[in-house]
N, C-alpha and C. Protein backbone atom coordinates (compact mmCIF):
# COMPACT_ATOMS: atom_id res chain seq x y z
N UNK A 1 -3.44 -24.60 2.23
CA UNK A 1 -2.64 -24.29 1.08
C UNK A 1 -1.43 -23.73 1.58
N UNK A 2 -0.25 -24.10 0.94
CA UNK A 2 1.19 -23.33 1.23
C UNK A 2 1.15 -22.03 0.77
N UNK A 3 1.80 -21.24 1.44
CA UNK A 3 1.87 -19.76 1.00
C UNK A 3 2.30 -19.66 -0.55
N UNK A 4 1.60 -18.99 -1.16
CA UNK A 4 1.92 -18.76 -2.67
C UNK A 4 2.10 -17.34 -2.87
N UNK A 5 2.80 -16.99 -4.05
CA UNK A 5 2.97 -15.54 -4.41
C UNK A 5 2.56 -15.56 -5.81
N UNK A 6 2.00 -14.46 -6.28
CA UNK A 6 1.80 -14.37 -7.71
C UNK A 6 2.25 -12.90 -7.97
N UNK A 7 3.46 -12.94 -8.88
CA UNK A 7 4.03 -11.38 -9.14
C UNK A 7 3.66 -11.22 -10.55
N UNK A 8 3.43 -9.86 -10.77
CA UNK A 8 3.21 -9.44 -12.11
C UNK A 8 3.94 -8.31 -12.51
N UNK A 9 4.79 -8.67 -13.76
CA UNK A 9 5.33 -7.43 -14.42
C UNK A 9 4.42 -6.87 -15.42
N UNK A 10 4.74 -5.64 -15.88
CA UNK A 10 3.70 -5.04 -16.93
C UNK A 10 4.13 -3.84 -17.47
N UNK A 11 3.67 -3.85 -18.79
CA UNK A 11 4.00 -2.68 -19.51
C UNK A 11 2.94 -1.56 -19.06
N UNK A 12 3.46 -0.39 -19.23
CA UNK A 12 2.74 0.81 -18.73
C UNK A 12 1.37 0.75 -19.50
N UNK A 13 0.20 0.91 -18.78
CA UNK A 13 -1.11 0.94 -19.57
C UNK A 13 -1.78 -0.51 -19.91
N UNK A 14 -0.92 -1.44 -19.69
CA UNK A 14 -1.44 -2.77 -20.10
C UNK A 14 -2.52 -3.17 -19.14
N UNK A 15 -2.53 -2.94 -17.74
CA UNK A 15 -3.64 -3.30 -16.99
C UNK A 15 -3.06 -4.26 -15.93
N UNK A 16 -1.76 -4.13 -15.40
CA UNK A 16 -1.10 -5.06 -14.64
C UNK A 16 -1.62 -4.77 -13.14
N UNK A 17 -1.77 -3.56 -12.91
CA UNK A 17 -2.32 -3.42 -11.53
C UNK A 17 -3.90 -3.86 -11.19
N UNK A 18 -4.51 -3.32 -12.21
CA UNK A 18 -6.07 -3.76 -12.26
C UNK A 18 -6.12 -5.12 -12.09
N UNK A 19 -5.23 -6.24 -12.82
CA UNK A 19 -5.23 -7.39 -12.87
C UNK A 19 -4.66 -8.06 -11.51
N UNK A 20 -3.78 -7.30 -10.83
CA UNK A 20 -3.40 -7.78 -9.48
C UNK A 20 -4.33 -7.49 -8.53
N UNK A 21 -4.97 -6.50 -8.43
CA UNK A 21 -6.05 -6.19 -7.48
C UNK A 21 -7.21 -7.07 -7.82
N UNK A 22 -7.47 -7.29 -8.75
CA UNK A 22 -8.70 -8.35 -9.06
C UNK A 22 -8.36 -9.79 -8.47
N UNK A 23 -7.06 -10.29 -8.75
CA UNK A 23 -6.69 -11.66 -8.28
C UNK A 23 -6.81 -11.60 -6.69
N UNK A 24 -6.14 -10.59 -6.36
CA UNK A 24 -6.08 -10.62 -4.77
C UNK A 24 -7.49 -10.70 -4.12
N UNK A 25 -8.45 -9.83 -4.83
CA UNK A 25 -9.79 -9.95 -4.17
C UNK A 25 -10.37 -11.32 -4.48
N UNK A 26 -10.17 -11.95 -5.58
CA UNK A 26 -10.81 -13.27 -5.62
C UNK A 26 -10.10 -14.34 -4.83
N UNK A 27 -8.82 -14.16 -4.41
CA UNK A 27 -8.11 -15.12 -3.44
C UNK A 27 -8.29 -14.59 -2.20
N UNK A 28 -8.78 -13.46 -1.78
CA UNK A 28 -8.76 -13.08 -0.50
C UNK A 28 -7.16 -12.93 0.10
N UNK A 29 -6.36 -12.39 -0.59
CA UNK A 29 -5.00 -12.17 -0.12
C UNK A 29 -4.64 -10.66 -0.43
N UNK A 30 -3.46 -10.45 0.30
CA UNK A 30 -3.01 -9.11 0.09
C UNK A 30 -2.45 -8.87 -1.25
N UNK A 31 -2.66 -7.59 -1.59
CA UNK A 31 -2.15 -6.99 -2.86
C UNK A 31 -0.96 -5.85 -2.53
N UNK A 32 0.09 -5.98 -3.19
CA UNK A 32 1.18 -4.87 -2.98
C UNK A 32 1.65 -4.23 -4.25
N UNK A 33 1.55 -3.07 -4.12
CA UNK A 33 2.20 -2.27 -5.38
C UNK A 33 3.18 -1.31 -4.65
N UNK A 34 3.51 -0.01 -5.44
CA UNK A 34 4.60 0.69 -4.75
C UNK A 34 4.10 1.20 -3.38
N UNK A 35 3.03 1.69 -3.31
CA UNK A 35 2.40 2.33 -2.11
C UNK A 35 2.27 1.53 -1.04
N UNK A 36 1.82 0.31 -1.25
CA UNK A 36 1.61 -0.83 -0.14
C UNK A 36 2.90 -1.44 0.25
N UNK A 37 3.85 -1.47 -0.56
CA UNK A 37 5.00 -1.99 -0.16
C UNK A 37 5.84 -0.88 0.69
N UNK A 38 5.58 0.20 0.53
CA UNK A 38 6.18 1.39 1.31
C UNK A 38 5.50 1.32 2.64
N UNK A 39 4.25 0.91 2.93
CA UNK A 39 3.60 0.84 4.07
C UNK A 39 4.23 -0.43 4.79
N UNK A 40 4.36 -1.45 4.01
CA UNK A 40 4.88 -2.64 4.68
C UNK A 40 6.23 -2.42 5.14
N UNK A 41 7.07 -1.99 4.30
CA UNK A 41 8.53 -1.39 4.89
C UNK A 41 8.60 -0.61 5.95
N UNK A 42 7.53 0.46 6.08
CA UNK A 42 7.71 1.18 7.47
C UNK A 42 7.18 0.26 8.68
N UNK A 43 6.27 -0.67 8.31
CA UNK A 43 5.79 -1.56 9.52
C UNK A 43 6.97 -2.56 9.92
N UNK A 44 7.95 -2.74 8.92
CA UNK A 44 9.05 -3.67 9.49
C UNK A 44 10.09 -2.79 9.91
N UNK A 45 9.93 -1.39 10.17
CA UNK A 45 11.16 -0.82 10.57
C UNK A 45 12.01 0.04 9.74
N UNK A 46 11.57 -0.28 8.40
CA UNK A 46 12.50 0.62 7.40
C UNK A 46 11.84 1.90 6.99
N UNK A 47 12.47 2.59 6.49
CA UNK A 47 11.98 4.01 5.93
C UNK A 47 11.20 3.69 4.81
N UNK A 48 10.00 4.27 4.86
CA UNK A 48 9.17 3.81 3.68
C UNK A 48 9.69 4.55 2.27
N UNK A 49 10.53 5.48 2.48
CA UNK A 49 10.92 6.17 1.25
C UNK A 49 11.85 5.19 0.31
N UNK A 50 12.37 4.13 0.81
CA UNK A 50 12.94 3.05 -0.03
C UNK A 50 12.23 2.78 -1.33
N UNK A 51 10.83 2.73 -1.20
CA UNK A 51 10.09 2.54 -2.27
C UNK A 51 9.74 4.00 -3.00
N UNK A 52 9.37 4.87 -2.29
CA UNK A 52 8.58 5.95 -2.90
C UNK A 52 9.65 6.69 -3.60
N UNK A 53 10.93 6.85 -3.12
CA UNK A 53 12.01 7.74 -3.80
C UNK A 53 12.58 7.16 -4.98
N UNK A 54 12.45 5.83 -5.11
CA UNK A 54 13.08 5.31 -6.26
C UNK A 54 12.15 4.37 -6.92
N UNK A 55 11.46 5.11 -8.08
CA UNK A 55 10.40 4.46 -8.51
C UNK A 55 10.65 3.72 -9.71
N UNK A 56 11.23 2.53 -9.60
CA UNK A 56 11.78 1.65 -10.72
C UNK A 56 12.50 2.40 -11.91
N UNK A 57 13.58 3.23 -11.36
CA UNK A 57 14.41 3.84 -12.26
C UNK A 57 15.80 3.43 -12.19
N UNK A 58 16.43 3.06 -13.27
CA UNK A 58 17.80 2.75 -13.27
C UNK A 58 18.74 4.03 -12.72
N UNK A 59 19.83 3.57 -11.85
CA UNK A 59 20.43 4.99 -11.47
C UNK A 59 21.47 5.20 -12.75
N UNK A 60 21.67 6.44 -12.60
CA UNK A 60 22.55 7.11 -13.69
C UNK A 60 23.96 6.29 -13.43
N UNK A 61 24.83 6.61 -14.68
CA UNK A 61 26.13 6.06 -14.45
C UNK A 61 26.95 6.62 -13.36
N UNK A 62 26.76 7.98 -13.10
CA UNK A 62 27.48 8.57 -11.92
C UNK A 62 26.96 8.05 -10.81
N UNK A 63 25.66 7.93 -10.61
CA UNK A 63 25.20 7.32 -9.21
C UNK A 63 25.72 5.87 -9.09
N UNK A 64 25.94 5.23 -10.18
CA UNK A 64 26.35 4.01 -10.09
C UNK A 64 27.77 3.70 -9.65
N UNK A 65 28.44 4.58 -10.14
CA UNK A 65 30.03 4.61 -9.85
C UNK A 65 30.05 5.11 -8.24
N UNK A 66 29.29 6.02 -7.98
CA UNK A 66 29.21 6.61 -6.47
C UNK A 66 28.81 5.55 -5.53
N UNK A 67 27.69 4.76 -6.16
CA UNK A 67 27.39 3.67 -5.04
C UNK A 67 28.40 2.56 -4.99
N UNK A 68 28.98 2.33 -5.95
CA UNK A 68 30.09 1.33 -6.04
C UNK A 68 31.07 1.68 -5.07
N UNK A 69 31.49 2.98 -5.00
CA UNK A 69 32.52 3.46 -4.31
C UNK A 69 32.30 3.74 -2.88
N UNK A 70 31.04 4.32 -2.72
CA UNK A 70 30.50 4.80 -1.39
C UNK A 70 29.33 4.09 -0.71
N UNK A 71 28.99 2.83 -1.33
CA UNK A 71 27.79 2.35 -1.06
C UNK A 71 27.55 1.79 0.28
N UNK A 72 28.48 1.70 1.25
CA UNK A 72 28.39 0.91 2.43
C UNK A 72 27.55 1.84 3.69
N UNK A 73 26.33 1.50 3.39
CA UNK A 73 25.47 2.46 4.54
C UNK A 73 24.69 1.30 5.37
N UNK A 74 24.20 1.65 6.56
CA UNK A 74 23.24 0.69 7.15
C UNK A 74 21.72 0.83 6.86
N UNK A 75 21.14 -0.16 7.19
CA UNK A 75 19.69 -0.25 6.59
C UNK A 75 18.78 0.86 7.10
N UNK A 76 19.04 1.72 8.18
CA UNK A 76 18.34 2.76 8.56
C UNK A 76 18.77 4.04 8.05
N UNK A 77 19.47 4.10 7.19
CA UNK A 77 20.05 5.42 6.69
C UNK A 77 19.14 6.24 5.70
N UNK A 78 19.02 7.40 5.60
CA UNK A 78 18.44 8.14 4.76
C UNK A 78 18.46 7.51 3.24
N UNK A 79 17.35 7.28 2.57
CA UNK A 79 17.49 6.85 1.40
C UNK A 79 18.21 7.78 0.35
N UNK A 80 18.00 9.06 0.57
CA UNK A 80 18.73 10.13 -0.10
C UNK A 80 20.54 9.91 -0.24
N UNK A 81 20.79 9.34 0.86
CA UNK A 81 22.31 8.97 1.00
C UNK A 81 22.69 7.52 0.72
N UNK A 82 21.78 6.73 0.75
CA UNK A 82 21.94 5.36 0.53
C UNK A 82 22.40 5.20 -1.00
N UNK A 83 23.18 4.18 -1.22
CA UNK A 83 23.48 3.74 -2.54
C UNK A 83 22.29 3.09 -3.31
N UNK A 84 22.11 3.33 -4.56
CA UNK A 84 21.04 2.55 -5.33
C UNK A 84 20.96 1.06 -4.99
N UNK A 85 22.25 0.48 -5.08
CA UNK A 85 22.24 -0.85 -4.87
C UNK A 85 21.73 -1.37 -3.32
N UNK A 86 22.04 -0.51 -2.45
CA UNK A 86 21.49 -0.91 -1.20
C UNK A 86 20.05 -0.61 -1.10
N UNK A 87 19.64 0.28 -1.75
CA UNK A 87 18.20 0.56 -1.56
C UNK A 87 17.33 -0.50 -2.30
N UNK A 88 18.07 -1.07 -3.39
CA UNK A 88 17.50 -2.26 -4.00
C UNK A 88 17.53 -3.43 -3.10
N UNK A 89 18.35 -3.70 -2.46
CA UNK A 89 18.82 -4.71 -1.46
C UNK A 89 17.60 -4.55 -0.50
N UNK A 90 17.36 -3.46 0.08
CA UNK A 90 16.49 -3.15 1.07
C UNK A 90 15.29 -3.46 0.67
N UNK A 91 14.82 -2.93 -0.52
CA UNK A 91 13.55 -3.36 -1.14
C UNK A 91 13.26 -5.04 -1.42
N UNK A 92 14.44 -5.54 -1.79
CA UNK A 92 14.16 -7.06 -1.92
C UNK A 92 14.09 -7.78 -0.52
N UNK A 93 14.64 -7.20 0.40
CA UNK A 93 14.26 -7.80 1.82
C UNK A 93 13.03 -7.72 2.22
N UNK A 94 12.57 -6.54 1.96
CA UNK A 94 11.02 -6.26 2.38
C UNK A 94 10.24 -7.36 1.40
N UNK A 95 10.35 -7.54 0.12
CA UNK A 95 9.69 -8.32 -0.64
C UNK A 95 9.69 -9.77 -0.10
N UNK A 96 10.99 -10.12 0.07
CA UNK A 96 11.09 -11.52 0.55
C UNK A 96 10.51 -11.98 1.85
N UNK A 97 10.42 -10.92 2.82
CA UNK A 97 9.88 -10.92 4.05
C UNK A 97 8.43 -11.08 3.96
N UNK A 98 7.66 -10.26 3.12
CA UNK A 98 6.41 -10.39 2.82
C UNK A 98 5.81 -11.83 2.32
N UNK A 99 6.68 -12.23 1.25
CA UNK A 99 6.40 -13.66 0.69
C UNK A 99 6.57 -14.64 1.79
N UNK A 100 7.44 -14.52 2.60
CA UNK A 100 7.67 -15.45 3.73
C UNK A 100 6.49 -15.49 4.62
N UNK A 101 5.82 -14.41 4.96
CA UNK A 101 4.83 -14.48 6.11
C UNK A 101 3.56 -14.68 5.55
N UNK A 102 3.17 -14.52 4.17
CA UNK A 102 1.83 -14.56 3.61
C UNK A 102 1.72 -14.82 2.06
N UNK A 103 0.63 -15.23 1.74
CA UNK A 103 0.36 -15.36 0.37
C UNK A 103 -0.28 -14.05 -0.10
N UNK A 104 0.35 -13.50 -1.29
CA UNK A 104 -0.02 -12.18 -1.60
C UNK A 104 0.37 -12.21 -3.36
N UNK A 105 -0.23 -11.11 -3.71
CA UNK A 105 0.10 -10.53 -5.19
C UNK A 105 0.98 -9.36 -4.91
N UNK A 106 2.01 -9.32 -5.92
CA UNK A 106 3.07 -8.27 -5.98
C UNK A 106 3.20 -7.76 -7.41
N UNK A 107 3.00 -6.60 -7.41
CA UNK A 107 3.24 -5.80 -8.78
C UNK A 107 4.52 -5.31 -8.89
N UNK A 108 5.41 -5.34 -9.90
CA UNK A 108 6.52 -4.76 -10.15
C UNK A 108 7.70 -4.94 -9.23
N UNK A 109 8.70 -4.04 -9.28
CA UNK A 109 9.81 -4.19 -8.36
C UNK A 109 10.66 -5.26 -8.48
N UNK A 110 10.71 -5.98 -9.68
CA UNK A 110 11.44 -7.06 -10.06
C UNK A 110 11.35 -8.28 -9.06
N UNK A 111 9.96 -8.33 -8.40
CA UNK A 111 9.54 -9.36 -7.65
C UNK A 111 9.79 -10.80 -8.22
N UNK A 112 9.46 -10.70 -9.63
CA UNK A 112 9.67 -12.34 -10.21
C UNK A 112 11.08 -12.76 -9.95
N UNK A 113 12.04 -11.75 -9.99
CA UNK A 113 13.42 -12.11 -9.64
C UNK A 113 13.82 -12.26 -8.35
N UNK A 114 13.33 -11.44 -7.51
CA UNK A 114 13.81 -11.54 -6.17
C UNK A 114 13.30 -12.75 -5.54
N UNK A 115 11.99 -13.31 -5.89
CA UNK A 115 11.43 -14.38 -5.36
C UNK A 115 11.65 -15.50 -6.55
N UNK A 116 12.64 -15.83 -7.10
CA UNK A 116 12.72 -16.64 -8.32
C UNK A 116 12.88 -18.14 -7.58
N UNK A 117 13.37 -18.32 -6.38
CA UNK A 117 13.53 -19.50 -5.77
C UNK A 117 12.26 -19.82 -4.88
N UNK A 118 11.31 -18.95 -4.67
CA UNK A 118 10.04 -19.30 -3.99
C UNK A 118 9.33 -20.59 -4.57
N UNK A 119 9.04 -21.61 -3.61
CA UNK A 119 8.58 -22.83 -4.16
C UNK A 119 7.12 -22.68 -4.81
N UNK A 120 6.33 -21.70 -4.41
CA UNK A 120 5.01 -21.39 -4.79
C UNK A 120 4.92 -20.15 -5.37
N UNK A 121 5.72 -19.82 -6.57
CA UNK A 121 5.59 -18.65 -7.22
C UNK A 121 5.10 -18.86 -8.61
N UNK A 122 4.08 -17.86 -9.01
CA UNK A 122 3.71 -17.73 -10.40
C UNK A 122 4.07 -16.24 -10.86
N UNK A 123 4.89 -16.35 -11.86
CA UNK A 123 5.19 -14.98 -12.33
C UNK A 123 4.60 -14.63 -13.81
N UNK A 124 4.00 -13.49 -13.84
CA UNK A 124 3.29 -13.21 -15.11
C UNK A 124 3.79 -11.96 -15.81
N UNK A 125 3.64 -11.61 -16.84
CA UNK A 125 3.89 -10.48 -17.45
C UNK A 125 2.73 -9.92 -18.35
N UNK A 126 2.34 -8.80 -18.30
CA UNK A 126 1.22 -8.20 -19.07
C UNK A 126 1.67 -7.21 -20.12
N UNK A 127 1.22 -7.46 -20.97
CA UNK A 127 1.75 -6.46 -22.31
C UNK A 127 0.44 -6.11 -23.20
N UNK A 128 0.60 -5.27 -24.19
CA UNK A 128 -0.49 -4.96 -25.10
C UNK A 128 0.19 -4.00 -26.08
N UNK A 129 -0.28 -3.86 -27.36
CA UNK A 129 0.18 -2.96 -28.33
C UNK A 129 0.26 -1.49 -27.80
N UNK A 130 1.19 -0.82 -28.32
CA UNK A 130 1.24 0.62 -27.76
C UNK A 130 0.22 1.45 -27.91
N UNK A 131 -0.54 1.39 -29.06
CA UNK A 131 -1.58 2.09 -29.18
C UNK A 131 -2.89 1.92 -28.28
N UNK A 132 -3.05 0.62 -27.92
CA UNK A 132 -3.92 0.09 -26.94
C UNK A 132 -3.74 0.90 -25.67
N UNK A 133 -2.45 0.77 -25.27
CA UNK A 133 -1.96 1.37 -23.94
C UNK A 133 -2.01 2.75 -23.86
N UNK A 134 -1.93 3.46 -25.15
CA UNK A 134 -1.95 4.89 -25.13
C UNK A 134 -3.60 5.23 -25.07
N UNK A 135 -4.46 4.63 -25.73
CA UNK A 135 -5.68 4.88 -25.33
C UNK A 135 -6.27 4.60 -23.94
N UNK A 136 -5.52 3.61 -23.15
CA UNK A 136 -6.05 3.45 -21.94
C UNK A 136 -5.54 4.62 -21.00
N UNK A 137 -4.21 5.03 -21.28
CA UNK A 137 -3.74 6.07 -20.54
C UNK A 137 -4.68 7.41 -20.74
N UNK A 138 -5.07 7.61 -21.75
CA UNK A 138 -5.84 8.80 -22.05
C UNK A 138 -7.12 8.67 -21.41
N UNK A 139 -7.68 7.53 -21.45
CA UNK A 139 -9.06 7.14 -20.69
C UNK A 139 -8.90 7.41 -19.25
N UNK A 140 -7.78 7.05 -18.59
CA UNK A 140 -7.68 7.37 -17.24
C UNK A 140 -7.22 8.69 -16.90
N UNK A 141 -7.34 9.70 -18.14
CA UNK A 141 -6.89 11.12 -17.80
C UNK A 141 -5.55 11.27 -17.29
N UNK A 142 -4.56 10.46 -17.74
CA UNK A 142 -3.24 10.60 -17.43
C UNK A 142 -2.53 11.65 -18.16
N UNK A 143 -3.01 11.80 -19.42
CA UNK A 143 -2.36 12.66 -20.53
C UNK A 143 -3.67 13.57 -21.04
N UNK A 144 -3.35 14.53 -21.64
CA UNK A 144 -4.44 15.32 -22.16
C UNK A 144 -4.34 15.34 -23.72
N UNK A 145 -3.29 14.85 -24.31
CA UNK A 145 -3.31 14.62 -25.77
C UNK A 145 -2.62 13.21 -25.95
N UNK A 146 -2.75 12.79 -27.24
CA UNK A 146 -2.36 11.48 -27.70
C UNK A 146 -0.79 11.68 -27.58
N UNK A 147 -0.23 12.64 -28.09
CA UNK A 147 1.25 12.95 -28.00
C UNK A 147 1.78 12.80 -26.64
N UNK A 148 1.40 13.38 -25.76
CA UNK A 148 1.65 13.34 -24.40
C UNK A 148 1.32 11.96 -23.67
N UNK A 149 0.58 11.31 -24.10
CA UNK A 149 0.16 9.82 -23.78
C UNK A 149 1.20 8.96 -24.37
N UNK A 150 1.65 9.12 -25.44
CA UNK A 150 2.72 8.34 -26.09
C UNK A 150 4.00 8.50 -25.46
N UNK A 151 4.37 9.79 -25.07
CA UNK A 151 5.70 10.22 -24.34
C UNK A 151 5.42 9.27 -22.98
N UNK A 152 4.46 9.59 -22.38
CA UNK A 152 4.48 9.09 -21.01
C UNK A 152 4.55 7.47 -21.01
N UNK A 153 3.90 6.60 -21.96
CA UNK A 153 3.99 5.25 -22.15
C UNK A 153 5.28 4.95 -22.47
N UNK A 154 6.06 5.57 -23.28
CA UNK A 154 7.44 5.21 -23.72
C UNK A 154 8.30 5.40 -22.69
N UNK A 155 8.27 6.48 -21.80
CA UNK A 155 9.07 7.08 -20.72
C UNK A 155 8.88 5.81 -19.74
N UNK A 156 7.82 5.55 -19.26
CA UNK A 156 7.74 4.36 -18.30
C UNK A 156 7.99 3.33 -18.63
N UNK A 157 7.93 2.78 -19.68
CA UNK A 157 8.40 1.58 -20.21
C UNK A 157 9.87 1.43 -20.17
N UNK A 158 10.49 2.44 -20.81
CA UNK A 158 11.94 2.75 -20.87
C UNK A 158 12.69 2.62 -19.54
N UNK A 159 12.01 3.34 -18.54
CA UNK A 159 12.22 3.25 -17.13
C UNK A 159 12.36 1.97 -16.37
N UNK A 160 11.15 1.25 -16.68
CA UNK A 160 10.90 -0.11 -16.01
C UNK A 160 11.91 -0.99 -16.73
N UNK A 161 12.13 -1.11 -17.81
CA UNK A 161 13.07 -1.90 -18.60
C UNK A 161 14.57 -1.79 -18.24
N UNK A 162 14.83 -0.37 -18.26
CA UNK A 162 16.20 -0.09 -17.51
C UNK A 162 16.61 -0.77 -16.26
N UNK A 163 15.42 -0.52 -15.39
CA UNK A 163 15.57 -0.84 -13.94
C UNK A 163 15.73 -2.18 -13.92
N UNK A 164 14.90 -2.91 -14.46
CA UNK A 164 14.68 -4.29 -14.43
C UNK A 164 16.11 -4.90 -14.97
N UNK A 165 16.47 -4.65 -16.08
CA UNK A 165 17.53 -5.32 -16.63
C UNK A 165 18.83 -4.99 -15.91
N UNK A 166 19.07 -3.84 -15.18
CA UNK A 166 20.15 -3.42 -14.53
C UNK A 166 20.40 -4.06 -13.22
N UNK A 167 19.30 -4.30 -12.58
CA UNK A 167 19.37 -4.99 -11.33
C UNK A 167 19.31 -6.71 -11.49
N UNK A 168 18.63 -7.14 -12.47
CA UNK A 168 18.46 -8.62 -12.53
C UNK A 168 19.37 -9.22 -13.58
N UNK A 169 20.04 -8.44 -14.27
CA UNK A 169 20.71 -8.95 -15.39
C UNK A 169 20.14 -9.97 -16.49
N UNK A 170 18.81 -9.66 -16.43
CA UNK A 170 17.91 -10.36 -17.33
C UNK A 170 17.19 -9.36 -18.15
N UNK A 171 16.23 -9.72 -19.06
CA UNK A 171 15.73 -8.84 -20.09
C UNK A 171 14.12 -8.79 -19.70
N UNK A 172 13.74 -7.55 -19.31
CA UNK A 172 12.38 -7.26 -18.93
C UNK A 172 11.40 -7.55 -20.14
N UNK A 173 10.19 -8.30 -19.90
CA UNK A 173 9.35 -8.60 -20.89
C UNK A 173 9.62 -9.81 -21.68
N UNK A 174 10.83 -10.36 -21.51
CA UNK A 174 11.09 -11.45 -22.38
C UNK A 174 10.49 -12.75 -21.76
N UNK A 175 9.88 -13.32 -22.71
CA UNK A 175 8.77 -14.51 -22.16
C UNK A 175 9.53 -15.57 -21.29
N UNK A 176 10.72 -16.02 -21.61
CA UNK A 176 11.13 -17.12 -20.76
C UNK A 176 11.59 -16.52 -19.39
N UNK A 177 11.62 -15.28 -19.07
CA UNK A 177 11.65 -14.86 -17.76
C UNK A 177 10.59 -15.07 -16.90
N UNK A 178 9.32 -15.39 -17.43
CA UNK A 178 8.12 -15.54 -16.75
C UNK A 178 7.54 -16.86 -16.88
N UNK A 179 6.51 -17.21 -16.18
CA UNK A 179 5.92 -18.41 -16.15
C UNK A 179 4.73 -18.26 -17.44
N UNK A 180 4.10 -17.01 -17.39
CA UNK A 180 3.02 -16.67 -18.32
C UNK A 180 3.11 -15.29 -18.77
N UNK A 181 2.95 -14.97 -20.19
CA UNK A 181 2.74 -13.69 -20.65
C UNK A 181 1.43 -13.60 -21.37
N UNK A 182 0.70 -12.43 -21.05
CA UNK A 182 -0.46 -12.25 -21.59
C UNK A 182 -0.63 -10.87 -22.61
N UNK A 183 -1.30 -10.89 -23.57
CA UNK A 183 -1.69 -9.55 -24.38
C UNK A 183 -3.02 -9.43 -23.88
N UNK A 184 -3.23 -8.04 -23.13
CA UNK A 184 -4.23 -8.00 -22.66
C UNK A 184 -5.15 -7.10 -23.58
N UNK A 185 -4.90 -7.02 -24.78
CA UNK A 185 -5.51 -6.33 -25.96
C UNK A 185 -6.40 -7.58 -26.33
N UNK A 186 -5.86 -8.80 -26.37
CA UNK A 186 -6.54 -9.97 -26.87
C UNK A 186 -7.23 -10.79 -25.82
N UNK A 187 -6.73 -10.91 -24.75
CA UNK A 187 -7.44 -11.80 -23.64
C UNK A 187 -7.94 -10.84 -22.64
N UNK A 188 -9.00 -11.22 -22.24
CA UNK A 188 -9.83 -10.24 -21.16
C UNK A 188 -9.38 -10.52 -19.99
N UNK A 189 -9.30 -9.61 -19.08
CA UNK A 189 -8.96 -9.58 -17.76
C UNK A 189 -9.88 -10.87 -16.95
N UNK A 190 -10.93 -11.02 -17.27
CA UNK A 190 -11.71 -12.17 -16.77
C UNK A 190 -11.11 -13.49 -17.02
N UNK A 191 -10.62 -13.76 -18.36
CA UNK A 191 -9.96 -14.99 -18.89
C UNK A 191 -8.78 -15.12 -18.06
N UNK A 192 -7.81 -14.09 -17.97
CA UNK A 192 -6.68 -14.07 -17.27
C UNK A 192 -6.66 -14.56 -15.93
N UNK A 193 -7.62 -13.75 -15.27
CA UNK A 193 -7.82 -14.28 -13.89
C UNK A 193 -8.37 -15.57 -13.70
N UNK A 194 -9.32 -16.05 -14.57
CA UNK A 194 -9.55 -17.58 -14.42
C UNK A 194 -8.53 -18.48 -14.72
N UNK A 195 -7.65 -18.13 -15.75
CA UNK A 195 -6.44 -19.04 -16.11
C UNK A 195 -5.55 -19.04 -14.79
N UNK A 196 -5.22 -17.99 -14.25
CA UNK A 196 -4.42 -18.10 -13.19
C UNK A 196 -4.78 -18.73 -11.90
N UNK A 197 -6.06 -18.44 -11.74
CA UNK A 197 -6.69 -19.33 -10.49
C UNK A 197 -6.79 -20.80 -10.77
N UNK A 198 -7.05 -21.08 -12.10
CA UNK A 198 -6.86 -22.59 -12.37
C UNK A 198 -5.52 -23.09 -12.19
N UNK A 199 -4.39 -22.47 -12.67
CA UNK A 199 -3.22 -22.91 -12.57
C UNK A 199 -2.74 -22.92 -11.03
N UNK A 200 -3.28 -21.99 -10.19
CA UNK A 200 -3.02 -22.09 -8.64
C UNK A 200 -3.50 -23.27 -8.12
N UNK A 201 -4.76 -23.49 -8.47
CA UNK A 201 -5.41 -24.64 -7.91
C UNK A 201 -4.70 -25.88 -8.21
N UNK A 202 -4.22 -26.02 -9.38
CA UNK A 202 -3.33 -27.17 -9.80
C UNK A 202 -2.06 -27.46 -9.07
């Protein structure tokens, strides 16, 4: 089979990471999220901090202005001094290199946009009602109260949306930016996995 890539965008608490790991296990291919992309960057000679220091957050207006004015840095520079646009460019180079060398699952990092011209790309977005995701966050013990869980979910979603929209000039979560969109509160993970595997086999 030709190399394929399945990329997963996700609302916070909707189960995107779990789904990605499950599909990777079923297909016996590599799974990449922030931590593993960081490791991959390191193995390619980049500083791993290009992923760990910039966690899907849109740069501030001031940083954007400074990036535009002083952004010409080389690939091995310290991420703390690199422009946000150059950090994004390096992240995209790592993602593209991984997709070129192997079949894999990638979660987040605008991978659907970066790899939009990949001939064997399946892009997926996972969402769920906010209350369901708040319950998930609390069950994972990421917040001790419903109020704190609500704040965390909204903060993460706002951050991901701003980051995605800023760097892609598209709308995060909008259905026509993806091949498939699933409500994980209504469709079980088993069913989503089966559907994606069926599509891949076709």
